[in-house]
Amino acid sequence: MQERKLRLLRSFFTLIVTIAIFFALFSKIDAKGTISAIKGVNLKLFLLATIIALMSNLFLMTDRWRQTLRMLGSSVPYRELLFVRVGSYSLRGILPLKSGEILRVAYLKKYNKVSLPIGTASVGLGLLLNLLALFAFVLGGSLFLGTIEIVKKCGYVLVLLLLAFILFRSALSLLKKISRKVYKAIEEYLRAWKRVSFLGKTNLFFYSLGLKFLELLNYYIILRAFNIIVPFKAILVFVPLAILVSELPITIAGLGIRESAVVLFFSQYGLAEELLGAGLLISFVEYILPNLICLSFTKPFLDKMATMPQKA
């Protein structure tokens, strides 16, 4: 009961924050001008961005997950992983934090006999690689732009991550003395990660770079669809930052934050109404549309999760 109340409270909070951000945006940016800009969008470029987003978010992400599981020693058919991904995709916006990913791990354990450490590692490794790919683009773009301050800040972040890792290892040693059960679970999870060879991790990293590059490319294409010309080196720096801030769990699927970031980061390249329209279409193509498509698979996925697997 307490958990349900907390979930409802979180949903209400994210809804209020989302509404508040859009209210603030449209109080400063003309709504009619934004709608007019959207109506004048280049439909061919918009369609291209839509195809890229669906291919990347649904099919290529599933293929990377399949390859990750294979490197961890578990072979799961692509079609089944695709069913799991699309079936749990929309739950990310309904359930708290990364509950959609947790359900994926539970499904693999139930129907494919993939252990919890392996399943969790396959999902966690994907999230980590996405983060590293975004940092790589920010650093690379910063060098092109000459924005040394951004490079320094990213360097500080890397140092903090290193310190966090050292503290984590120290905490593990302490945890071993306090709770052997929890320590064993974490150790199994880390051991699963170590199963992937250095070459395998490198291949997965470059795969992740390619996937995130497609997302960056979509920002560029949609901005061009509004006739907003942004240098691609600026895309390399500011789009990853926009993606990172939109991942903060304070609005529904990053709505409001993503649009605000587009307006803020690219204000020198276009009108506010056009930028806000571009931000709205980016959210639609990259997040809303995939969720709407996957929604039809959510009930079959949950129904299968609720049934017992048939014995072979």
C-alpha atoms as a PDB file:
ATOM      1  CA  MET A   1       0.000   0.000   0.000  1.00  0.00           C
ATOM      2  CA  GLN A   2       2.801   2.403   0.941  1.00  0.00           C
ATOM      3  CA  GLU A   3       4.650   1.579  -2.294  1.00  0.00           C
ATOM      4  CA  ARG A   4       1.495   2.246  -4.325  1.00  0.00           C
ATOM      5  CA  LYS A   5       1.055   5.642  -2.667  1.00  0.00           C
ATOM      6  CA  LEU A   6       4.662   6.542  -3.423  1.00  0.00           C
ATOM      7  CA  ARG A   7       4.194   5.498  -7.063  1.00  0.00           C
ATOM      8  CA  LEU A   8       1.055   7.639  -7.391  1.00  0.00           C
ATOM      9  CA  LEU A   9       2.804  10.552  -5.694  1.00  0.00           C
ATOM     10  CA  ARG A  10       5.750  10.281  -8.099  1.00  0.00           C
ATOM     11  CA  SER A  11       3.420  10.126 -11.122  1.00  0.00           C
ATOM     12  CA  PHE A  12       1.519  13.172  -9.873  1.00  0.00           C
ATOM     13  CA  PHE A  13       4.786  15.038  -9.256  1.00  0.00           C
ATOM     14  CA  THR A  14       6.163  14.322 -12.744  1.00  0.00           C
ATOM     15  CA  LEU A  15       2.829  15.348 -14.314  1.00  0.00           C
ATOM     16  CA  ILE A  16       2.798  18.657 -12.423  1.00  0.00           C
ATOM     17  CA  VAL A  17       6.443  19.400 -13.298  1.00  0.00           C
ATOM     18  CA  THR A  18       5.826  18.572 -16.978  1.00  0.00           C
ATOM     19  CA  ILE A  19       2.789  20.881 -17.118  1.00  0.00           C
ATOM     20  CA  ALA A  20       4.673  23.628 -15.266  1.00  0.00           C
ATOM     21  CA  ILE A  21       7.623  23.520 -17.698  1.00  0.00           C
ATOM     22  CA  PHE A  22       5.359  23.686 -20.764  1.00  0.00           C
ATOM     23  CA  PHE A  23       3.373  26.507 -19.170  1.00  0.00           C
ATOM     24  CA  ALA A  24       6.617  28.427 -18.635  1.00  0.00           C
ATOM     25  CA  LEU A  25       7.748  27.722 -22.215  1.00  0.00           C
ATOM     26  CA  PHE A  26       4.500  28.845 -23.839  1.00  0.00           C
ATOM     27  CA  SER A  27       4.278  31.913 -21.605  1.00  0.00           C
ATOM     28  CA  LYS A  28       7.519  33.130 -23.230  1.00  0.00           C
ATOM     29  CA  ILE A  29       7.186  31.584 -26.709  1.00  0.00           C
ATOM     30  CA  ASP A  30       4.217  32.230 -28.988  1.00  0.00           C
ATOM     31  CA  ALA A  31       2.078  29.076 -29.251  1.00  0.00           C
ATOM     32  CA  LYS A  32       0.534  30.084 -32.590  1.00  0.00           C
ATOM     33  CA  GLY A  33       3.992  30.704 -34.040  1.00  0.00           C
ATOM     34  CA  THR A  34       5.106  27.255 -32.816  1.00  0.00           C
ATOM     35  CA  ILE A  35       2.085  25.542 -34.401  1.00  0.00           C
ATOM     36  CA  SER A  36       2.672  27.468 -37.633  1.00  0.00           C
ATOM     37  CA  ALA A  37       6.316  26.345 -37.664  1.00  0.00           C
ATOM     38  CA  ILE A  38       5.272  22.699 -37.181  1.00  0.00           C
ATOM     39  CA  LYS A  39       2.757  22.957 -40.044  1.00  0.00           C
ATOM     40  CA  GLY A  40       5.525  24.175 -42.345  1.00  0.00           C
ATOM     41  CA  VAL A  41       7.942  21.343 -41.518  1.00  0.00           C
ATOM     42  CA  ASN A  42       9.645  19.447 -44.352  1.00  0.00           C
ATOM     43  CA  LEU A  43       7.640  16.202 -44.398  1.00  0.00           C
ATOM     44  CA  LYS A  44      10.307  14.179 -46.244  1.00  0.00           C
ATOM     45  CA  LEU A  45      12.912  14.953 -43.586  1.00  0.00           C
ATOM     46  CA  PHE A  46      10.379  14.301 -40.827  1.00  0.00           C
ATOM     47  CA  LEU A  47       9.560  10.889 -42.339  1.00  0.00           C
ATOM     48  CA  LEU A  48      13.279  10.079 -42.622  1.00  0.00           C
ATOM     49  CA  ALA A  49      13.796  10.930 -38.933  1.00  0.00           C
ATOM     50  CA  THR A  50      10.797   8.759 -37.997  1.00  0.00           C
ATOM     51  CA  ILE A  51      12.183   5.728 -39.852  1.00  0.00           C
ATOM     52  CA  ILE A  52      15.637   6.174 -38.270  1.00  0.00           C
ATOM     53  CA  ALA A  53      14.152   6.499 -34.767  1.00  0.00           C
ATOM     54  CA  LEU A  54      12.002   3.371 -35.053  1.00  0.00           C
ATOM     55  CA  MET A  55      14.829   1.309 -36.576  1.00  0.00           C
ATOM     56  CA  SER A  56      17.251   2.385 -33.860  1.00  0.00           C
ATOM     57  CA  ASN A  57      15.008   2.298 -30.773  1.00  0.00           C
ATOM     58  CA  LEU A  58      13.266  -0.975 -31.544  1.00  0.00           C
ATOM     59  CA  PHE A  59      15.339  -3.152 -33.881  1.00  0.00           C
ATOM     60  CA  LEU A  60      18.996  -2.120 -33.531  1.00  0.00           C
ATOM     61  CA  MET A  61      18.787  -1.740 -29.739  1.00  0.00           C
ATOM     62  CA  THR A  62      17.369  -5.264 -29.592  1.00  0.00           C
ATOM     63  CA  ASP A  63      20.243  -6.573 -31.710  1.00  0.00           C
ATOM     64  CA  ARG A  64      22.806  -4.975 -29.382  1.00  0.00           C
ATOM     65  CA  TRP A  65      21.027  -6.581 -26.410  1.00  0.00           C
ATOM     66  CA  ARG A  66      21.165  -9.965 -28.154  1.00  0.00           C
ATOM     67  CA  GLN A  67      24.885  -9.585 -28.793  1.00  0.00           C
ATOM     68  CA  THR A  68      25.486  -8.526 -25.181  1.00  0.00           C
ATOM     69  CA  LEU A  69      23.665 -11.587 -23.845  1.00  0.00           C
ATOM     70  CA  ARG A  70      25.622 -13.839 -26.206  1.00  0.00           C
ATOM     71  CA  MET A  71      28.920 -12.392 -24.936  1.00  0.00           C
ATOM     72  CA  LEU A  72      27.694 -13.071 -21.404  1.00  0.00           C
ATOM     73  CA  GLY A  73      27.112 -16.706 -22.313  1.00  0.00           C
ATOM     74  CA  SER A  74      23.340 -16.673 -22.886  1.00  0.00           C
ATOM     75  CA  SER A  75      21.743 -17.207 -26.288  1.00  0.00           C
ATOM     76  CA  VAL A  76      18.208 -15.827 -26.705  1.00  0.00           C
ATOM     77  CA  PRO A  77      16.436 -15.656 -30.107  1.00  0.00           C
ATOM     78  CA  TYR A  78      16.200 -12.179 -31.622  1.00  0.00           C
ATOM     79  CA  ARG A  79      12.419 -12.401 -32.127  1.00  0.00           C
ATOM     80  CA  GLU A  80      11.840 -13.169 -28.460  1.00  0.00           C
ATOM     81  CA  LEU A  81      14.087 -10.320 -27.324  1.00  0.00           C
ATOM     82  CA  LEU A  82      12.217  -7.989 -29.687  1.00  0.00           C
ATOM     83  CA  PHE A  83       8.921  -9.098 -28.094  1.00  0.00           C
ATOM     84  CA  VAL A  84      10.354  -8.440 -24.619  1.00  0.00           C
ATOM     85  CA  ARG A  85      11.690  -5.017 -25.609  1.00  0.00           C
ATOM     86  CA  VAL A  86       8.537  -3.749 -27.319  1.00  0.00           C
ATOM     87  CA  GLY A  87       6.295  -5.331 -24.666  1.00  0.00           C
ATOM     88  CA  SER A  88       8.072  -3.570 -21.793  1.00  0.00           C
ATOM     89  CA  TYR A  89       8.955  -0.370 -23.699  1.00  0.00           C
ATOM     90  CA  SER A  90       5.882   1.671 -22.720  1.00  0.00           C
ATOM     91  CA  LEU A  91       6.124   0.585 -19.071  1.00  0.00           C
ATOM     92  CA  ARG A  92       9.174   2.830 -18.627  1.00  0.00           C
ATOM     93  CA  GLY A  93       6.903   5.874 -18.648  1.00  0.00           C
ATOM     94  CA  ILE A  94       4.310   4.293 -16.334  1.00  0.00           C
ATOM     95  CA  LEU A  95       6.347   2.484 -13.695  1.00  0.00           C
ATOM     96  CA  PRO A  96       8.956   4.185 -11.485  1.00  0.00           C
ATOM     97  CA  LEU A  97      12.581   4.601 -12.545  1.00  0.00           C
ATOM     98  CA  LYS A  98      13.853   1.651 -14.643  1.00  0.00           C
ATOM     99  CA  SER A  99      11.021  -0.804 -13.889  1.00  0.00           C
ATOM    100  CA  GLY A 100      10.687  -1.668 -17.582  1.00  0.00           C
ATOM    101  CA  GLU A 101      14.277  -2.941 -17.543  1.00  0.00           C
ATOM    102  CA  ILE A 102      13.591  -4.927 -14.352  1.00  0.00           C
ATOM    103  CA  LEU A 103      10.666  -6.670 -16.042  1.00  0.00           C
ATOM    104  CA  ARG A 104      12.913  -7.575 -18.982  1.00  0.00           C
ATOM    105  CA  VAL A 105      15.359  -9.247 -16.613  1.00  0.00           C
ATOM    106  CA  ALA A 106      12.494 -11.092 -14.869  1.00  0.00           C
ATOM    107  CA  TYR A 107      11.152 -12.331 -18.229  1.00  0.00           C
ATOM    108  CA  LEU A 108      14.557 -13.676 -19.293  1.00  0.00           C
ATOM    109  CA  LYS A 109      14.893 -15.566 -16.015  1.00  0.00           C
ATOM    110  CA  LYS A 110      11.380 -16.987 -16.243  1.00  0.00           C
ATOM    111  CA  TYR A 111      11.284 -18.077 -19.887  1.00  0.00           C
ATOM    112  CA  ASN A 112      14.910 -18.336 -21.014  1.00  0.00           C
ATOM    113  CA  LYS A 113      16.601 -19.434 -17.777  1.00  0.00           C
ATOM    114  CA  VAL A 114      18.958 -16.437 -17.869  1.00  0.00           C
ATOM    115  CA  SER A 115      20.246 -15.858 -14.334  1.00  0.00           C
ATOM    116  CA  LEU A 116      19.454 -12.560 -12.607  1.00  0.00           C
ATOM    117  CA  PRO A 117      23.121 -11.424 -12.573  1.00  0.00           C
ATOM    118  CA  ILE A 118      23.474 -12.124 -16.320  1.00  0.00           C
ATOM    119  CA  GLY A 119      20.148 -10.500 -17.191  1.00  0.00           C
ATOM    120  CA  THR A 120      20.848  -7.464 -15.031  1.00  0.00           C
ATOM    121  CA  ALA A 121      24.371  -7.153 -16.431  1.00  0.00           C
ATOM    122  CA  SER A 122      23.048  -7.259 -20.025  1.00  0.00           C
ATOM    123  CA  VAL A 123      20.668  -4.366 -19.316  1.00  0.00           C
ATOM    124  CA  GLY A 124      23.098  -2.429 -17.110  1.00  0.00           C
ATOM    125  CA  LEU A 125      25.922  -2.725 -19.631  1.00  0.00           C
ATOM    126  CA  GLY A 126      23.670  -1.234 -22.309  1.00  0.00           C
ATOM    127  CA  LEU A 127      22.814   1.754 -20.110  1.00  0.00           C
ATOM    128  CA  LEU A 128      26.479   2.286 -19.225  1.00  0.00           C
ATOM    129  CA  LEU A 129      27.584   2.103 -22.871  1.00  0.00           C
ATOM    130  CA  ASN A 130      24.920   4.669 -23.837  1.00  0.00           C
ATOM    131  CA  LEU A 131      26.276   7.021 -21.174  1.00  0.00           C
ATOM    132  CA  LEU A 132      29.890   6.540 -22.278  1.00  0.00           C
ATOM    133  CA  ALA A 133      28.931   7.119 -25.928  1.00  0.00           C
ATOM    134  CA  LEU A 134      27.263  10.423 -25.024  1.00  0.00           C
ATOM    135  CA  PHE A 135      30.349  11.543 -23.071  1.00  0.00           C
ATOM    136  CA  ALA A 136      32.545  10.591 -26.041  1.00  0.00           C
ATOM    137  CA  PHE A 137      30.474  12.775 -28.384  1.00  0.00           C
ATOM    138  CA  VAL A 138      30.566  15.712 -25.949  1.00  0.00           C
ATOM    139  CA  LEU A 139      34.341  15.463 -25.627  1.00  0.00           C
ATOM    140  CA  GLY A 140      34.874  15.058 -29.373  1.00  0.00           C
ATOM    141  CA  GLY A 141      32.528  17.896 -30.260  1.00  0.00           C
ATOM    142  CA  SER A 142      34.108  20.144 -27.647  1.00  0.00           C
ATOM    143  CA  LEU A 143      37.494  19.706 -29.291  1.00  0.00           C
ATOM    144  CA  PHE A 144      36.012  20.708 -32.659  1.00  0.00           C
ATOM    145  CA  LEU A 145      34.265  23.730 -31.154  1.00  0.00           C
ATOM    146  CA  GLY A 146      37.253  24.702 -29.068  1.00  0.00           C
ATOM    147  CA  THR A 147      35.100  24.714 -25.952  1.00  0.00           C
ATOM    148  CA  ILE A 148      37.886  23.794 -23.582  1.00  0.00           C
ATOM    149  CA  GLU A 149      35.753  24.537 -20.524  1.00  0.00           C
ATOM    150  CA  ILE A 150      33.361  21.741 -21.481  1.00  0.00           C
ATOM    151  CA  VAL A 151      36.301  19.362 -21.897  1.00  0.00           C
ATOM    152  CA  LYS A 152      37.562  20.347 -18.432  1.00  0.00           C
ATOM    153  CA  LYS A 153      34.126  19.801 -16.904  1.00  0.00           C
ATOM    154  CA  CYS A 154      33.828  16.390 -18.550  1.00  0.00           C
ATOM    155  CA  GLY A 155      37.302  15.622 -17.209  1.00  0.00           C
ATOM    156  CA  TYR A 156      36.108  16.552 -13.723  1.00  0.00           C
ATOM    157  CA  VAL A 157      33.135  14.224 -14.186  1.00  0.00           C
ATOM    158  CA  LEU A 158      35.441  11.363 -15.177  1.00  0.00           C
ATOM    159  CA  VAL A 159      37.578  12.000 -12.081  1.00  0.00           C
ATOM    160  CA  LEU A 160      34.440  11.936  -9.932  1.00  0.00           C
ATOM    161  CA  LEU A 161      33.386   8.660 -11.566  1.00  0.00           C
ATOM    162  CA  LEU A 162      36.820   7.199 -10.775  1.00  0.00           C
ATOM    163  CA  LEU A 163      36.524   8.316  -7.153  1.00  0.00           C
ATOM    164  CA  ALA A 164      32.996   6.879  -7.028  1.00  0.00           C
ATOM    165  CA  PHE A 165      34.366   3.547  -8.295  1.00  0.00           C
ATOM    166  CA  ILE A 166      37.060   3.529  -5.593  1.00  0.00           C
ATOM    167  CA  LEU A 167      34.443   4.322  -2.942  1.00  0.00           C
ATOM    168  CA  PHE A 168      32.216   1.595  -4.373  1.00  0.00           C
ATOM    169  CA  ARG A 169      34.969  -1.005  -4.031  1.00  0.00           C
ATOM    170  CA  SER A 170      35.617   0.165  -0.470  1.00  0.00           C
ATOM    171  CA  ALA A 171      31.900  -0.049   0.295  1.00  0.00           C
ATOM    172  CA  LEU A 172      31.883  -3.616  -1.047  1.00  0.00           C
ATOM    173  CA  SER A 173      34.573  -4.619   1.414  1.00  0.00           C
ATOM    174  CA  LEU A 174      32.529  -3.108   4.237  1.00  0.00           C
ATOM    175  CA  LEU A 175      29.342  -4.720   2.939  1.00  0.00           C
ATOM    176  CA  LYS A 176      31.038  -8.107   2.937  1.00  0.00           C
ATOM    177  CA  LYS A 177      31.425  -7.824   6.685  1.00  0.00           C
ATOM    178  CA  ILE A 178      27.870  -6.562   7.246  1.00  0.00           C
ATOM    179  CA  SER A 179      25.673  -8.559   4.829  1.00  0.00           C
ATOM    180  CA  ARG A 180      27.153 -11.525   2.978  1.00  0.00           C
ATOM    181  CA  LYS A 181      23.890 -12.131   1.052  1.00  0.00           C
ATOM    182  CA  VAL A 182      23.783  -8.650  -0.515  1.00  0.00           C
ATOM    183  CA  TYR A 183      27.531  -8.728  -1.102  1.00  0.00           C
ATOM    184  CA  LYS A 184      27.250 -12.057  -2.910  1.00  0.00           C
ATOM    185  CA  ALA A 185      24.495 -10.698  -5.211  1.00  0.00           C
ATOM    186  CA  ILE A 186      26.615  -7.669  -6.165  1.00  0.00           C
ATOM    187  CA  GLU A 187      29.689  -9.835  -6.678  1.00  0.00           C
ATOM    188  CA  GLU A 188      27.747 -12.133  -9.031  1.00  0.00           C
ATOM    189  CA  TYR A 189      26.580  -9.093 -10.996  1.00  0.00           C
ATOM    190  CA  LEU A 190      30.140  -7.756 -11.359  1.00  0.00           C
ATOM    191  CA  ARG A 191      31.435 -11.214 -12.257  1.00  0.00           C
ATOM    192  CA  ALA A 192      28.886 -11.377 -15.061  1.00  0.00           C
ATOM    193  CA  TRP A 193      30.231  -8.116 -16.485  1.00  0.00           C
ATOM    194  CA  LYS A 194      33.757  -9.511 -16.431  1.00  0.00           C
ATOM    195  CA  ARG A 195      32.679 -12.357 -18.722  1.00  0.00           C
ATOM    196  CA  VAL A 196      32.664  -9.942 -21.662  1.00  0.00           C
ATOM    197  CA  SER A 197      36.137  -9.771 -23.180  1.00  0.00           C
ATOM    198  CA  PHE A 198      37.908  -6.489 -23.846  1.00  0.00           C
ATOM    199  CA  LEU A 199      37.311  -6.964 -27.573  1.00  0.00           C
ATOM    200  CA  GLY A 200      33.649  -7.645 -26.892  1.00  0.00           C
ATOM    201  CA  LYS A 201      33.309  -4.510 -24.774  1.00  0.00           C
ATOM    202  CA  THR A 202      35.054  -2.514 -27.528  1.00  0.00           C
ATOM    203  CA  ASN A 203      32.680  -3.846 -30.187  1.00  0.00           C
ATOM    204  CA  LEU A 204      29.667  -3.071 -28.019  1.00  0.00           C
ATOM    205  CA  PHE A 205      30.992   0.429 -27.326  1.00  0.00           C
ATOM    206  CA  PHE A 206      31.327   1.220 -31.032  1.00  0.00           C
ATOM    207  CA  TYR A 207      27.877  -0.268 -31.626  1.00  0.00           C
ATOM    208  CA  SER A 208      26.567   2.097 -28.934  1.00  0.00           C
ATOM    209  CA  LEU A 209      28.396   5.007 -30.571  1.00  0.00           C
ATOM    210  CA  GLY A 210      26.583   4.176 -33.808  1.00  0.00           C
ATOM    211  CA  LEU A 211      23.204   3.988 -32.089  1.00  0.00           C
ATOM    212  CA  LYS A 212      23.687   7.309 -30.305  1.00  0.00           C
ATOM    213  CA  PHE A 213      25.010   8.866 -33.503  1.00  0.00           C
ATOM    214  CA  LEU A 214      21.675   8.010 -35.146  1.00  0.00           C
ATOM    215  CA  GLU A 215      19.881   9.842 -32.334  1.00  0.00           C
ATOM    216  CA  LEU A 216      22.159  12.864 -32.792  1.00  0.00           C
ATOM    217  CA  LEU A 217      21.560  12.669 -36.536  1.00  0.00           C
ATOM    218  CA  ASN A 218      17.809  12.749 -35.928  1.00  0.00           C
ATOM    219  CA  TYR A 219      18.130  16.005 -33.988  1.00  0.00           C
ATOM    220  CA  TYR A 220      20.080  17.430 -36.937  1.00  0.00           C
ATOM    221  CA  ILE A 221      17.523  16.193 -39.497  1.00  0.00           C
ATOM    222  CA  ILE A 222      14.524  17.568 -37.619  1.00  0.00           C
ATOM    223  CA  LEU A 223      16.216  20.924 -37.094  1.00  0.00           C
ATOM    224  CA  ARG A 224      16.900  20.990 -40.842  1.00  0.00           C
ATOM    225  CA  ALA A 225      13.230  20.110 -41.426  1.00  0.00           C
ATOM    226  CA  PHE A 226      12.469  23.501 -39.831  1.00  0.00           C
ATOM    227  CA  ASN A 227      15.184  25.068 -42.005  1.00  0.00           C
ATOM    228  CA  ILE A 228      17.359  25.558 -38.913  1.00  0.00           C
ATOM    229  CA  ILE A 229      20.977  25.024 -39.925  1.00  0.00           C
ATOM    230  CA  VAL A 230      23.141  23.976 -36.977  1.00  0.00           C
ATOM    231  CA  PRO A 231      26.823  23.030 -37.453  1.00  0.00           C
ATOM    232  CA  PHE A 232      27.174  19.317 -36.809  1.00  0.00           C
ATOM    233  CA  LYS A 233      30.021  19.934 -34.367  1.00  0.00           C
ATOM    234  CA  ALA A 234      27.529  21.884 -32.235  1.00  0.00           C
ATOM    235  CA  ILE A 235      25.149  18.913 -32.510  1.00  0.00           C
ATOM    236  CA  LEU A 236      27.924  16.657 -31.156  1.00  0.00           C
ATOM    237  CA  VAL A 237      28.277  18.795 -28.018  1.00  0.00           C
ATOM    238  CA  PHE A 238      24.800  20.015 -27.166  1.00  0.00           C
ATOM    239  CA  VAL A 239      22.540  17.136 -28.206  1.00  0.00           C
ATOM    240  CA  PRO A 240      24.202  14.639 -25.799  1.00  0.00           C
ATOM    241  CA  LEU A 241      23.767  17.214 -23.036  1.00  0.00           C
ATOM    242  CA  ALA A 242      20.100  17.597 -23.992  1.00  0.00           C
ATOM    243  CA  ILE A 243      19.679  13.801 -23.920  1.00  0.00           C
ATOM    244  CA  LEU A 244      21.362  13.527 -20.515  1.00  0.00           C
ATOM    245  CA  VAL A 245      19.274  16.235 -18.827  1.00  0.00           C
ATOM    246  CA  SER A 246      16.068  14.816 -20.346  1.00  0.00           C
ATOM    247  CA  GLU A 247      16.847  11.493 -18.626  1.00  0.00           C
ATOM    248  CA  LEU A 248      16.280  13.127 -15.230  1.00  0.00           C
ATOM    249  CA  PRO A 249      13.174  11.418 -13.761  1.00  0.00           C
ATOM    250  CA  ILE A 250      11.305  14.640 -12.980  1.00  0.00           C
ATOM    251  CA  THR A 251       8.998  14.857 -16.024  1.00  0.00           C
ATOM    252  CA  ILE A 252       7.057  12.366 -18.140  1.00  0.00           C
ATOM    253  CA  ALA A 253       9.538  10.810 -20.611  1.00  0.00           C
ATOM    254  CA  GLY A 254      11.716  13.934 -20.415  1.00  0.00           C
ATOM    255  CA  LEU A 255       8.966  16.098 -21.953  1.00  0.00           C
ATOM    256  CA  GLY A 256       9.503  19.782 -21.311  1.00  0.00           C
ATOM    257  CA  ILE A 257      13.148  19.352 -20.355  1.00  0.00           C
ATOM    258  CA  ARG A 258      14.089  18.161 -23.860  1.00  0.00           C
ATOM    259  CA  GLU A 259      12.250  21.037 -25.552  1.00  0.00           C
ATOM    260  CA  SER A 260      13.752  23.570 -23.139  1.00  0.00           C
ATOM    261  CA  ALA A 261      17.243  22.220 -23.855  1.00  0.00           C
ATOM    262  CA  VAL A 262      16.735  22.532 -27.631  1.00  0.00           C
ATOM    263  CA  VAL A 263      15.532  26.137 -27.266  1.00  0.00           C
ATOM    264  CA  LEU A 264      18.412  27.007 -24.921  1.00  0.00           C
ATOM    265  CA  PHE A 265      21.311  25.294 -26.695  1.00  0.00           C
ATOM    266  CA  PHE A 266      20.412  26.321 -30.252  1.00  0.00           C
ATOM    267  CA  SER A 267      18.951  29.783 -29.651  1.00  0.00           C
ATOM    268  CA  GLN A 268      21.600  31.411 -31.868  1.00  0.00           C
ATOM    269  CA  TYR A 269      20.588  29.315 -34.890  1.00  0.00           C
ATOM    270  CA  GLY A 270      16.820  29.838 -35.127  1.00  0.00           C
ATOM    271  CA  LEU A 271      13.658  31.464 -33.809  1.00  0.00           C
ATOM    272  CA  ALA A 272      12.330  30.294 -30.458  1.00  0.00           C
ATOM    273  CA  GLU A 273       9.030  29.175 -32.034  1.00  0.00           C
ATOM    274  CA  GLU A 274      10.859  27.030 -34.593  1.00  0.00           C
ATOM    275  CA  LEU A 275      13.185  25.558 -31.978  1.00  0.00           C
ATOM    276  CA  LEU A 276      10.296  24.693 -29.674  1.00  0.00           C
ATOM    277  CA  GLY A 277       8.479  23.077 -32.612  1.00  0.00           C
ATOM    278  CA  ALA A 278      11.631  21.081 -33.413  1.00  0.00           C
ATOM    279  CA  GLY A 279      11.932  19.978 -29.779  1.00  0.00           C
ATOM    280  CA  LEU A 280       8.298  18.805 -29.773  1.00  0.00           C
ATOM    281  CA  LEU A 281       8.780  16.769 -32.959  1.00  0.00           C
ATOM    282  CA  ILE A 282      12.030  15.270 -31.599  1.00  0.00           C
ATOM    283  CA  SER A 283      10.109  14.112 -28.521  1.00  0.00           C
ATOM    284  CA  PHE A 284       7.355  12.713 -30.744  1.00  0.00           C
ATOM    285  CA  VAL A 285       9.707  10.828 -33.088  1.00  0.00           C
ATOM    286  CA  GLU A 286      12.206   9.525 -30.508  1.00  0.00           C
ATOM    287  CA  TYR A 287       9.920   8.848 -27.540  1.00  0.00           C
ATOM    288  CA  ILE A 288       6.168   9.295 -28.003  1.00  0.00           C
ATOM    289  CA  LEU A 289       5.714   7.406 -31.300  1.00  0.00           C
ATOM    290  CA  PRO A 290       7.784   4.333 -30.257  1.00  0.00           C
ATOM    291  CA  ASN A 291       5.780   4.209 -27.018  1.00  0.00           C
ATOM    292  CA  LEU A 292       2.467   4.399 -28.885  1.00  0.00           C
ATOM    293  CA  ILE A 293       3.524   1.618 -31.249  1.00  0.00           C
ATOM    294  CA  CYS A 294       4.767  -0.597 -28.414  1.00  0.00           C
ATOM    295  CA  LEU A 295       1.647   0.005 -26.325  1.00  0.00           C
ATOM    296  CA  SER A 296      -0.237  -2.647 -28.311  1.00  0.00           C
ATOM    297  CA  PHE A 297       2.343  -5.237 -27.191  1.00  0.00           C
ATOM    298  CA  THR A 298       2.217  -4.316 -23.489  1.00  0.00           C
ATOM    299  CA  LYS A 299      -0.831  -6.413 -22.570  1.00  0.00           C
ATOM    300  CA  PRO A 300       0.423  -9.602 -24.299  1.00  0.00           C
ATOM    301  CA  PHE A 301       3.773  -9.110 -22.547  1.00  0.00           C
ATOM    302  CA  LEU A 302       2.181  -8.638 -19.108  1.00  0.00           C
ATOM    303  CA  ASP A 303      -0.192 -11.553 -19.714  1.00  0.00           C
ATOM    304  CA  LYS A 304       2.754 -13.796 -20.536  1.00  0.00           C
ATOM    305  CA  MET A 305       4.610 -12.561 -17.443  1.00  0.00           C
ATOM    306  CA  ALA A 306       1.572 -13.520 -15.345  1.00  0.00           C
ATOM    307  CA  THR A 307       1.425 -17.107 -16.693  1.00  0.00           C
ATOM    308  CA  MET A 308       3.662 -20.010 -15.874  1.00  0.00           C
ATOM    309  CA  PRO A 309       6.013 -21.183 -18.634  1.00  0.00           C
ATOM    310  CA  GLN A 310       5.050 -24.479 -20.251  1.00  0.00           C
ATOM    311  CA  LYS A 311       7.362 -27.383 -19.559  1.00  0.00           C
ATOM    312  CA  ALA A 312       9.166 -28.723 -22.613  1.00  0.00           C
END
